[in-house]
Structure formats: C-alpha cells, structure tokens
Amino acid sequence: MSSLVFDTHNFVKKMTMAGMPEAQAEVLASEQANLIENRLATKQDIALLKQDIASLEKNIEMKIDMKIESAKSDLIKWVAGLLIAQAALVAALLKLFAVA
C-alpha cells in the first residue's frame, strides 16, 4: 500500500488549541496515523485491485469457455452416437417387420 502523509504535529496542535490535553492529543494522533498507514487504501491501491480483478475475470471467462466447448463436443458425440443407434434400430425393425 502506498503511504499517505498525516501531519501528526499539526493535528496535535489543533486538538490542544481546541481544549484537549496534549498527552491525549498525541495518543489520538498516533492512532490516527497508524490507521491511515495500515487501513486506508489509496487510489493507486484501488487501481491495482481493479487490474487484478479484471485479470481474474478474463481467466475465469477463458476457463468457462473451455468447459462449454468441451461440453458441446461431448454432447455432439452423444447425439451422433444416438442418431446412429436409432438408425440401426429403425433399420432392424423395418427388416424384422418386412419379413413377417
């Protein structure tokens, strides 16, 4: 994550001017700086995340397309096999009933 600048000195100064004890203002400034450093995402972080998501999306689409193509191929094989079996059954039935 990219670091953001947080002016703790200026923050403590403003808080003490507003009536907060300096020790409390310093602790608050330290915690604020820690939160900003460790928990806040920058525009660059979000842009990188968007790139990662787009890459994963393309990868998933490619895998889904491959699975669909495989399923189509299997379906065509089954339909062709059943069509041949049906034709053989019809021919056998015609031959059987033509003799009788």
Foldseek 3Di string as FASTA:
>chain_A
DDADDDPLVVQLVVVVVVPDDSVVSNVVSVVVNVCRGPPDDDPVNVVVVVVVVVVVVVVVVVVVVVVVVVVVVVVVVVVVVVVVVVVVVVVVVCVVVVVD
